[in-house]
PDB file of N, CA and C in Angstrom:
ATOM      1  N   MET A   1      16.953  -4.236  14.068  1.00  0.00           N
ATOM      2  CA  MET A   1      16.042  -5.218  14.605  1.00  0.00           C
ATOM      3  C   MET A   1      14.642  -4.603  14.662  1.00  0.00           C
ATOM      4  N   LEU A   2      13.672  -5.328  14.201  1.00  0.00           N
ATOM      5  CA  LEU A   2      12.284  -4.856  14.215  1.00  0.00           C
ATOM      6  C   LEU A   2      11.654  -5.101  15.578  1.00  0.00           C
ATOM      7  N   PRO A   3      10.787  -4.199  16.011  1.00  0.00           N
ATOM      8  CA  PRO A   3      10.080  -4.427  17.266  1.00  0.00           C
ATOM      9  C   PRO A   3       9.100  -5.588  17.117  1.00  0.00           C
ATOM     10  N   THR A   4       8.760  -6.182  18.227  1.00  0.00           N
ATOM     11  CA  THR A   4       7.767  -7.248  18.197  1.00  0.00           C
ATOM     12  C   THR A   4       6.401  -6.614  17.939  1.00  0.00           C
ATOM     13  N   PRO A   5       5.420  -7.405  17.462  1.00  0.00           N
ATOM     14  CA  PRO A   5       4.091  -6.839  17.186  1.00  0.00           C
ATOM     15  C   PRO A   5       3.483  -6.100  18.377  1.00  0.00           C
ATOM     16  N   SER A   6       3.808  -6.490  19.588  1.00  0.00           N
ATOM     17  CA  SER A   6       3.237  -5.800  20.746  1.00  0.00           C
ATOM     18  C   SER A   6       3.932  -4.471  21.025  1.00  0.00           C
ATOM     19  N   GLU A   7       5.044  -4.178  20.320  1.00  0.00           N
ATOM     20  CA  GLU A   7       5.781  -2.941  20.542  1.00  0.00           C
ATOM     21  C   GLU A   7       5.547  -1.891  19.460  1.00  0.00           C
ATOM     22  N   SER A   8       4.823  -2.240  18.403  1.00  0.00           N
ATOM     23  CA  SER A   8       4.649  -1.303  17.310  1.00  0.00           C
ATOM     24  C   SER A   8       3.289  -1.484  16.651  1.00  0.00           C
ATOM     25  N   VAL A   9       2.760  -0.387  16.121  1.00  0.00           N
ATOM     26  CA  VAL A   9       1.513  -0.461  15.363  1.00  0.00           C
ATOM     27  C   VAL A   9       1.792  -0.505  13.865  1.00  0.00           C
ATOM     28  N   TYR A  10       3.039  -0.391  13.479  1.00  0.00           N
ATOM     29  CA  TYR A  10       3.467  -0.507  12.090  1.00  0.00           C
ATOM     30  C   TYR A  10       2.650   0.358  11.128  1.00  0.00           C
ATOM     31  N   HIS A  11       2.435   1.603  11.452  1.00  0.00           N
ATOM     32  CA  HIS A  11       1.708   2.487  10.541  1.00  0.00           C
ATOM     33  C   HIS A  11       2.660   3.305   9.671  1.00  0.00           C
ATOM     34  N   ILE A  12       3.909   3.393  10.085  1.00  0.00           N
ATOM     35  CA  ILE A  12       4.947   4.050   9.294  1.00  0.00           C
ATOM     36  C   ILE A  12       6.169   3.140   9.330  1.00  0.00           C
ATOM     37  N   PHE A  13       6.794   2.932   8.169  1.00  0.00           N
ATOM     38  CA  PHE A  13       8.014   2.129   8.124  1.00  0.00           C
ATOM     39  C   PHE A  13       9.121   3.001   7.537  1.00  0.00           C
ATOM     40  N   PRO A  14       9.800   3.774   8.408  1.00  0.00           N
ATOM     41  CA  PRO A  14      10.843   4.661   7.908  1.00  0.00           C
ATOM     42  C   PRO A  14      12.158   3.928   7.701  1.00  0.00           C
ATOM     43  N   ILE A  15      12.850   4.297   6.629  1.00  0.00           N
ATOM     44  CA  ILE A  15      14.200   3.815   6.390  1.00  0.00           C
ATOM     45  C   ILE A  15      15.077   5.049   6.200  1.00  0.00           C
ATOM     46  N   LEU A  16      16.375   4.868   6.300  1.00  0.00           N
ATOM     47  CA  LEU A  16      17.312   5.968   6.093  1.00  0.00           C
ATOM     48  C   LEU A  16      18.167   5.665   4.881  1.00  0.00           C
ATOM     49  N   SER A  17      18.389   6.675   4.052  1.00  0.00           N
ATOM     50  CA  SER A  17      19.247   6.535   2.883  1.00  0.00           C
ATOM     51  C   SER A  17      19.968   7.853   2.646  1.00  0.00           C
ATOM     52  N   ALA A  18      21.276   7.760   2.478  1.00  0.00           N
ATOM     53  CA  ALA A  18      22.057   8.953   2.152  1.00  0.00           C
ATOM     54  C   ALA A  18      21.659   9.491   0.778  1.00  0.00           C
ATOM     55  N   ARG A  19      21.030   8.640  -0.032  1.00  0.00           N
ATOM     56  CA  ARG A  19      20.580   9.019  -1.379  1.00  0.00           C
ATOM     57  C   ARG A  19      19.051   8.995  -1.440  1.00  0.00           C
ATOM     58  N   ARG A  20      18.434   9.545  -0.412  1.00  0.00           N
ATOM     59  CA  ARG A  20      16.978   9.471  -0.265  1.00  0.00           C
ATOM     60  C   ARG A  20      16.215   9.958  -1.486  1.00  0.00           C
ATOM     61  N   ASP A  21      16.570  11.110  -2.019  1.00  0.00           N
ATOM     62  CA  ASP A  21      15.800  11.663  -3.134  1.00  0.00           C
ATOM     63  C   ASP A  21      15.918  10.787  -4.377  1.00  0.00           C
ATOM     64  N   GLU A  22      17.107  10.259  -4.622  1.00  0.00           N
ATOM     65  CA  GLU A  22      17.298   9.317  -5.739  1.00  0.00           C
ATOM     66  C   GLU A  22      16.476   8.056  -5.518  1.00  0.00           C
ATOM     67  N   LEU A  23      16.522   7.549  -4.290  1.00  0.00           N
ATOM     68  CA  LEU A  23      15.773   6.330  -3.963  1.00  0.00           C
ATOM     69  C   LEU A  23      14.282   6.568  -4.118  1.00  0.00           C
ATOM     70  N   GLN A  24      13.803   7.703  -3.657  1.00  0.00           N
ATOM     71  CA  GLN A  24      12.381   7.997  -3.783  1.00  0.00           C
ATOM     72  C   GLN A  24      11.961   8.053  -5.250  1.00  0.00           C
ATOM     73  N   ALA A  25      12.776   8.692  -6.098  1.00  0.00           N
ATOM     74  CA  ALA A  25      12.467   8.775  -7.533  1.00  0.00           C
ATOM     75  C   ALA A  25      12.503   7.388  -8.168  1.00  0.00           C
ATOM     76  N   TYR A  26      13.475   6.581  -7.793  1.00  0.00           N
ATOM     77  CA  TYR A  26      13.593   5.213  -8.309  1.00  0.00           C
ATOM     78  C   TYR A  26      12.357   4.391  -7.938  1.00  0.00           C
ATOM     79  N   LEU A  27      11.952   4.476  -6.689  1.00  0.00           N
ATOM     80  CA  LEU A  27      10.776   3.717  -6.258  1.00  0.00           C
ATOM     81  C   LEU A  27       9.521   4.205  -6.977  1.00  0.00           C
ATOM     82  N   LYS A  28       9.396   5.517  -7.162  1.00  0.00           N
ATOM     83  CA  LYS A  28       8.245   6.058  -7.892  1.00  0.00           C
ATOM     84  C   LYS A  28       8.223   5.519  -9.316  1.00  0.00           C
ATOM     85  N   ASP A  29       9.392   5.487  -9.956  1.00  0.00           N
ATOM     86  CA  ASP A  29       9.479   4.947 -11.319  1.00  0.00           C
ATOM     87  C   ASP A  29       9.085   3.477 -11.379  1.00  0.00           C
ATOM     88  N   ASN A  30       9.176   2.793 -10.234  1.00  0.00           N
ATOM     89  CA  ASN A  30       8.797   1.389 -10.153  1.00  0.00           C
ATOM     90  C   ASN A  30       7.416   1.201  -9.536  1.00  0.00           C
ATOM     91  N   GLY A  31       6.634   2.275  -9.496  1.00  0.00           N
ATOM     92  CA  GLY A  31       5.243   2.192  -9.039  1.00  0.00           C
ATOM     93  C   GLY A  31       5.080   2.081  -7.538  1.00  0.00           C
ATOM     94  N   ILE A  32       6.097   2.498  -6.779  1.00  0.00           N
ATOM     95  CA  ILE A  32       6.037   2.383  -5.320  1.00  0.00           C
ATOM     96  C   ILE A  32       6.002   3.783  -4.720  1.00  0.00           C
ATOM     97  N   GLU A  33       4.892   4.095  -4.062  1.00  0.00           N
ATOM     98  CA  GLU A  33       4.721   5.403  -3.448  1.00  0.00           C
ATOM     99  C   GLU A  33       5.418   5.449  -2.096  1.00  0.00           C
ATOM    100  N   THR A  34       6.104   6.551  -1.830  1.00  0.00           N
ATOM    101  CA  THR A  34       6.774   6.760  -0.553  1.00  0.00           C
ATOM    102  C   THR A  34       6.417   8.155  -0.046  1.00  0.00           C
ATOM    103  N   LEU A  35       6.737   8.403   1.205  1.00  0.00           N
ATOM    104  CA  LEU A  35       6.528   9.726   1.804  1.00  0.00           C
ATOM    105  C   LEU A  35       7.743  10.105   2.630  1.00  0.00           C
ATOM    106  N   ILE A  36       7.955  11.383   2.765  1.00  0.00           N
ATOM    107  CA  ILE A  36       8.965  11.892   3.683  1.00  0.00           C
ATOM    108  C   ILE A  36       8.193  12.466   4.860  1.00  0.00           C
ATOM    109  N   HIS A  37       8.230  11.754   5.976  1.00  0.00           N
ATOM    110  CA  HIS A  37       7.426  12.162   7.129  1.00  0.00           C
ATOM    111  C   HIS A  37       8.088  13.234   7.983  1.00  0.00           C
ATOM    112  N   TYR A  38       9.368  13.399   7.877  1.00  0.00           N
ATOM    113  CA  TYR A  38      10.064  14.338   8.755  1.00  0.00           C
ATOM    114  C   TYR A  38      10.951  15.281   7.930  1.00  0.00           C
ATOM    115  N   PRO A  39      10.353  16.098   7.045  1.00  0.00           N
ATOM    116  CA  PRO A  39      11.163  16.936   6.156  1.00  0.00           C
ATOM    117  C   PRO A  39      11.905  18.069   6.870  1.00  0.00           C
ATOM    118  N   ILE A  40      11.404  18.472   8.029  1.00  0.00           N
ATOM    119  CA  ILE A  40      12.042  19.539   8.799  1.00  0.00           C
ATOM    120  C   ILE A  40      12.368  18.991  10.179  1.00  0.00           C
ATOM    121  N   PRO A  41      13.639  19.063  10.571  1.00  0.00           N
ATOM    122  CA  PRO A  41      13.970  18.588  11.926  1.00  0.00           C
ATOM    123  C   PRO A  41      13.115  19.318  12.965  1.00  0.00           C
ATOM    124  N   PRO A  42      12.678  18.631  13.997  1.00  0.00           N
ATOM    125  CA  PRO A  42      11.807  19.259  14.988  1.00  0.00           C
ATOM    126  C   PRO A  42      12.343  20.585  15.528  1.00  0.00           C
ATOM    127  N   HIS A  43      13.625  20.642  15.823  1.00  0.00           N
ATOM    128  CA  HIS A  43      14.183  21.859  16.421  1.00  0.00           C
ATOM    129  C   HIS A  43      14.277  23.018  15.423  1.00  0.00           C
ATOM    130  N   ARG A  44      14.014  22.762  14.146  1.00  0.00           N
ATOM    131  CA  ARG A  44      14.031  23.819  13.132  1.00  0.00           C
ATOM    132  C   ARG A  44      12.615  24.281  12.768  1.00  0.00           C
ATOM    133  N   GLN A  45      11.596  23.665  13.355  1.00  0.00           N
ATOM    134  CA  GLN A  45      10.224  24.025  13.046  1.00  0.00           C
ATOM    135  C   GLN A  45       9.841  25.319  13.758  1.00  0.00           C
ATOM    136  N   ARG A  46       8.919  26.017  13.149  1.00  0.00           N
ATOM    137  CA  ARG A  46       8.502  27.325  13.663  1.00  0.00           C
ATOM    138  C   ARG A  46       7.974  27.250  15.094  1.00  0.00           C
ATOM    139  N   CYS A  47       7.302  26.167  15.432  1.00  0.00           N
ATOM    140  CA  CYS A  47       6.722  26.057  16.773  1.00  0.00           C
ATOM    141  C   CYS A  47       7.797  25.942  17.858  1.00  0.00           C
ATOM    142  N   TYR A  48       9.021  25.616  17.467  1.00  0.00           N
ATOM    143  CA  TYR A  48      10.140  25.530  18.412  1.00  0.00           C
ATOM    144  C   TYR A  48      11.151  26.635  18.131  1.00  0.00           C
ATOM    145  N   LYS A  49      10.660  27.815  17.883  1.00  0.00           N
ATOM    146  CA  LYS A  49      11.486  28.943  17.460  1.00  0.00           C
ATOM    147  C   LYS A  49      12.705  29.166  18.360  1.00  0.00           C
ATOM    148  N   LYS A  50      12.540  28.973  19.652  1.00  0.00           N
ATOM    149  CA  LYS A  50      13.667  29.224  20.558  1.00  0.00           C
ATOM    150  C   LYS A  50      14.792  28.186  20.375  1.00  0.00           C
ATOM    151  N   TRP A  51      14.515  27.086  19.673  1.00  0.00           N
ATOM    152  CA  TRP A  51      15.535  26.058  19.446  1.00  0.00           C
ATOM    153  C   TRP A  51      16.083  26.097  18.014  1.00  0.00           C
ATOM    154  N   ASN A  52      15.567  26.997  17.172  1.00  0.00           N
ATOM    155  CA  ASN A  52      15.947  27.021  15.755  1.00  0.00           C
ATOM    156  C   ASN A  52      17.437  27.153  15.498  1.00  0.00           C
ATOM    157  N   THR A  53      18.164  27.716  16.411  1.00  0.00           N
ATOM    158  CA  THR A  53      19.600  27.906  16.188  1.00  0.00           C
ATOM    159  C   THR A  53      20.450  26.758  16.718  1.00  0.00           C
ATOM    160  N   LEU A  54      19.824  25.794  17.360  1.00  0.00           N
ATOM    161  CA  LEU A  54      20.583  24.645  17.869  1.00  0.00           C
ATOM    162  C   LEU A  54      21.177  23.837  16.728  1.00  0.00           C
ATOM    163  N   CYS A  55      22.303  23.237  16.994  1.00  0.00           N
ATOM    164  CA  CYS A  55      22.930  22.323  16.040  1.00  0.00           C
ATOM    165  C   CYS A  55      22.758  20.912  16.590  1.00  0.00           C
ATOM    166  N   LEU A  56      21.876  20.137  15.973  1.00  0.00           N
ATOM    167  CA  LEU A  56      21.613  18.758  16.386  1.00  0.00           C
ATOM    168  C   LEU A  56      21.865  17.858  15.179  1.00  0.00           C
ATOM    169  N   PRO A  57      23.142  17.491  14.940  1.00  0.00           N
ATOM    170  CA  PRO A  57      23.510  16.810  13.703  1.00  0.00           C
ATOM    171  C   PRO A  57      22.816  15.465  13.464  1.00  0.00           C
ATOM    172  N   ILE A  58      22.545  14.718  14.492  1.00  0.00           N
ATOM    173  CA  ILE A  58      21.881  13.422  14.280  1.00  0.00           C
ATOM    174  C   ILE A  58      20.438  13.652  13.846  1.00  0.00           C
ATOM    175  N   THR A  59      19.752  14.561  14.504  1.00  0.00           N
ATOM    176  CA  THR A  59      18.374  14.892  14.129  1.00  0.00           C
ATOM    177  C   THR A  59      18.322  15.425  12.700  1.00  0.00           C
ATOM    178  N   GLU A  60      19.271  16.278  12.354  1.00  0.00           N
ATOM    179  CA  GLU A  60      19.309  16.839  11.005  1.00  0.00           C
ATOM    180  C   GLU A  60      19.609  15.771   9.959  1.00  0.00           C
ATOM    181  N   GLN A  61      20.484  14.831  10.284  1.00  0.00           N
ATOM    182  CA  GLN A  61      20.788  13.737   9.359  1.00  0.00           C
ATOM    183  C   GLN A  61      19.570  12.847   9.147  1.00  0.00           C
ATOM    184  N   ILE A  62      18.884  12.510  10.221  1.00  0.00           N
ATOM    185  CA  ILE A  62      17.676  11.693  10.102  1.00  0.00           C
ATOM    186  C   ILE A  62      16.653  12.406   9.224  1.00  0.00           C
ATOM    187  N   SER A  63      16.462  13.683   9.440  1.00  0.00           N
ATOM    188  CA  SER A  63      15.508  14.455   8.651  1.00  0.00           C
ATOM    189  C   SER A  63      15.886  14.456   7.172  1.00  0.00           C
ATOM    190  N   ALA A  64      17.169  14.514   6.877  1.00  0.00           N
ATOM    191  CA  ALA A  64      17.640  14.548   5.490  1.00  0.00           C
ATOM    192  C   ALA A  64      17.589  13.188   4.811  1.00  0.00           C
ATOM    193  N   GLN A  65      17.569  12.097   5.595  1.00  0.00           N
ATOM    194  CA  GLN A  65      17.672  10.757   5.025  1.00  0.00           C
ATOM    195  C   GLN A  65      16.419   9.899   5.163  1.00  0.00           C
ATOM    196  N   GLU A  66      15.455  10.318   5.969  1.00  0.00           N
ATOM    197  CA  GLU A  66      14.271   9.486   6.241  1.00  0.00           C
ATOM    198  C   GLU A  66      13.366   9.389   5.026  1.00  0.00           C
ATOM    199  N   LEU A  67      12.936   8.171   4.747  1.00  0.00           N
ATOM    200  CA  LEU A  67      11.965   7.893   3.688  1.00  0.00           C
ATOM    201  C   LEU A  67      11.044   6.795   4.193  1.00  0.00           C
ATOM    202  N   SER A  68       9.752   7.046   4.153  1.00  0.00           N
ATOM    203  CA  SER A  68       8.787   6.046   4.618  1.00  0.00           C
ATOM    204  C   SER A  68       8.313   5.219   3.439  1.00  0.00           C
ATOM    205  N   ILE A  69       8.528   3.908   3.540  1.00  0.00           N
ATOM    206  CA  ILE A  69       8.100   2.992   2.491  1.00  0.00           C
ATOM    207  C   ILE A  69       6.705   2.463   2.825  1.00  0.00           C
ATOM    208  N   PRO A  70       6.005   1.908   1.851  1.00  0.00           N
ATOM    209  CA  PRO A  70       4.650   1.427   2.107  1.00  0.00           C
ATOM    210  C   PRO A  70       4.590   0.423   3.260  1.00  0.00           C
ATOM    211  N   CYS A  71       3.595   0.611   4.092  1.00  0.00           N
ATOM    212  CA  CYS A  71       3.380  -0.276   5.231  1.00  0.00           C
ATOM    213  C   CYS A  71       1.936  -0.096   5.689  1.00  0.00           C
ATOM    214  N   HIS A  72       1.100  -1.076   5.388  1.00  0.00           N
ATOM    215  CA  HIS A  72      -0.283  -1.017   5.863  1.00  0.00           C
ATOM    216  C   HIS A  72      -0.887  -2.416   5.853  1.00  0.00           C
ATOM    217  N   GLN A  73      -1.978  -2.565   6.535  1.00  0.00           N
ATOM    218  CA  GLN A  73      -2.596  -3.872   6.746  1.00  0.00           C
ATOM    219  C   GLN A  73      -3.169  -4.496   5.479  1.00  0.00           C
ATOM    220  N   ALA A  74      -3.375  -3.707   4.448  1.00  0.00           N
ATOM    221  CA  ALA A  74      -3.966  -4.243   3.218  1.00  0.00           C
ATOM    222  C   ALA A  74      -2.931  -4.658   2.177  1.00  0.00           C
ATOM    223  N   MET A  75      -1.647  -4.514   2.490  1.00  0.00           N
ATOM    224  CA  MET A  75      -0.614  -4.911   1.526  1.00  0.00           C
ATOM    225  C   MET A  75      -0.622  -6.422   1.334  1.00  0.00           C
ATOM    226  N   THR A  76      -0.536  -6.821   0.090  1.00  0.00           N
ATOM    227  CA  THR A  76      -0.447  -8.250  -0.193  1.00  0.00           C
ATOM    228  C   THR A  76       1.016  -8.686  -0.088  1.00  0.00           C
ATOM    229  N   ASP A  77       1.217  -9.995  -0.002  1.00  0.00           N
ATOM    230  CA  ASP A  77       2.587 -10.508   0.017  1.00  0.00           C
ATOM    231  C   ASP A  77       3.328 -10.093  -1.253  1.00  0.00           C
ATOM    232  N   GLY A  78       2.629 -10.064  -2.370  1.00  0.00           N
ATOM    233  CA  GLY A  78       3.239  -9.657  -3.627  1.00  0.00           C
ATOM    234  C   GLY A  78       3.681  -8.205  -3.610  1.00  0.00           C
ATOM    235  N   GLU A  79       2.876  -7.340  -3.001  1.00  0.00           N
ATOM    236  CA  GLU A  79       3.257  -5.928  -2.889  1.00  0.00           C
ATOM    237  C   GLU A  79       4.466  -5.753  -1.979  1.00  0.00           C
ATOM    238  N   VAL A  80       4.473  -6.490  -0.897  1.00  0.00           N
ATOM    239  CA  VAL A  80       5.624  -6.437   0.013  1.00  0.00           C
ATOM    240  C   VAL A  80       6.879  -6.895  -0.723  1.00  0.00           C
ATOM    241  N   GLU A  81       6.771  -7.997  -1.450  1.00  0.00           N
ATOM    242  CA  GLU A  81       7.929  -8.504  -2.205  1.00  0.00           C
ATOM    243  C   GLU A  81       8.384  -7.510  -3.260  1.00  0.00           C
ATOM    244  N   ALA A  82       7.455  -6.808  -3.896  1.00  0.00           N
ATOM    245  CA  ALA A  82       7.820  -5.809  -4.909  1.00  0.00           C
ATOM    246  C   ALA A  82       8.627  -4.680  -4.280  1.00  0.00           C
ATOM    247  N   VAL A  83       8.239  -4.240  -3.095  1.00  0.00           N
ATOM    248  CA  VAL A  83       8.971  -3.179  -2.398  1.00  0.00           C
ATOM    249  C   VAL A  83      10.367  -3.672  -2.029  1.00  0.00           C
ATOM    250  N   VAL A  84      10.443  -4.856  -1.455  1.00  0.00           N
ATOM    251  CA  VAL A  84      11.731  -5.418  -1.042  1.00  0.00           C
ATOM    252  C   VAL A  84      12.647  -5.618  -2.251  1.00  0.00           C
ATOM    253  N   THR A  85      12.092  -6.158  -3.325  1.00  0.00           N
ATOM    254  CA  THR A  85      12.889  -6.379  -4.543  1.00  0.00           C
ATOM    255  C   THR A  85      13.419  -5.066  -5.104  1.00  0.00           C
ATOM    256  N   ALA A  86      12.559  -4.061  -5.169  1.00  0.00           N
ATOM    257  CA  ALA A  86      12.989  -2.760  -5.682  1.00  0.00           C
ATOM    258  C   ALA A  86      14.093  -2.173  -4.795  1.00  0.00           C
ATOM    259  N   LEU A  87      13.919  -2.249  -3.485  1.00  0.00           N
ATOM    260  CA  LEU A  87      14.957  -1.735  -2.582  1.00  0.00           C
ATOM    261  C   LEU A  87      16.267  -2.482  -2.760  1.00  0.00           C
ATOM    262  N   ASN A  88      16.194  -3.787  -2.922  1.00  0.00           N
ATOM    263  CA  ASN A  88      17.405  -4.594  -3.076  1.00  0.00           C
ATOM    264  C   ASN A  88      18.113  -4.334  -4.409  1.00  0.00           C
ATOM    265  N   HIS A  89      17.380  -3.853  -5.408  1.00  0.00           N
ATOM    266  CA  HIS A  89      17.975  -3.589  -6.723  1.00  0.00           C
ATOM    267  C   HIS A  89      18.396  -2.142  -6.915  1.00  0.00           C
ATOM    268  N   PHE A  90      18.153  -1.307  -5.932  1.00  0.00           N
ATOM    269  CA  PHE A  90      18.566   0.097  -6.037  1.00  0.00           C
ATOM    270  C   PHE A  90      20.087   0.150  -5.974  1.00  0.00           C
ATOM    271  N   ALA A  91      20.674   0.751  -6.986  1.00  0.00           N
ATOM    272  CA  ALA A  91      22.148   0.772  -7.060  1.00  0.00           C
ATOM    273  C   ALA A  91      22.733   1.976  -6.401  1.00  0.00           C
TER     274      ALA A  91
END
């Protein structure tokens, strides 16, 4: 469920995919730029050195599967539809 407009600024639209790297390459091949905003789980980052040995499987799974798709105020309806269509056709 998406948050209401008063609950989000919609500057990042993250999705999760067990095949994230394949999906990212597929979207790139279809002219859709994506980003991985959380490549390192927070507890594995250098600034949290005392937590580096923790096992946090949900955090690690999110980090491994997160992919941010285009989301910004200048997107046209056609661009939004292109992203949705490409995602729906990913096999």
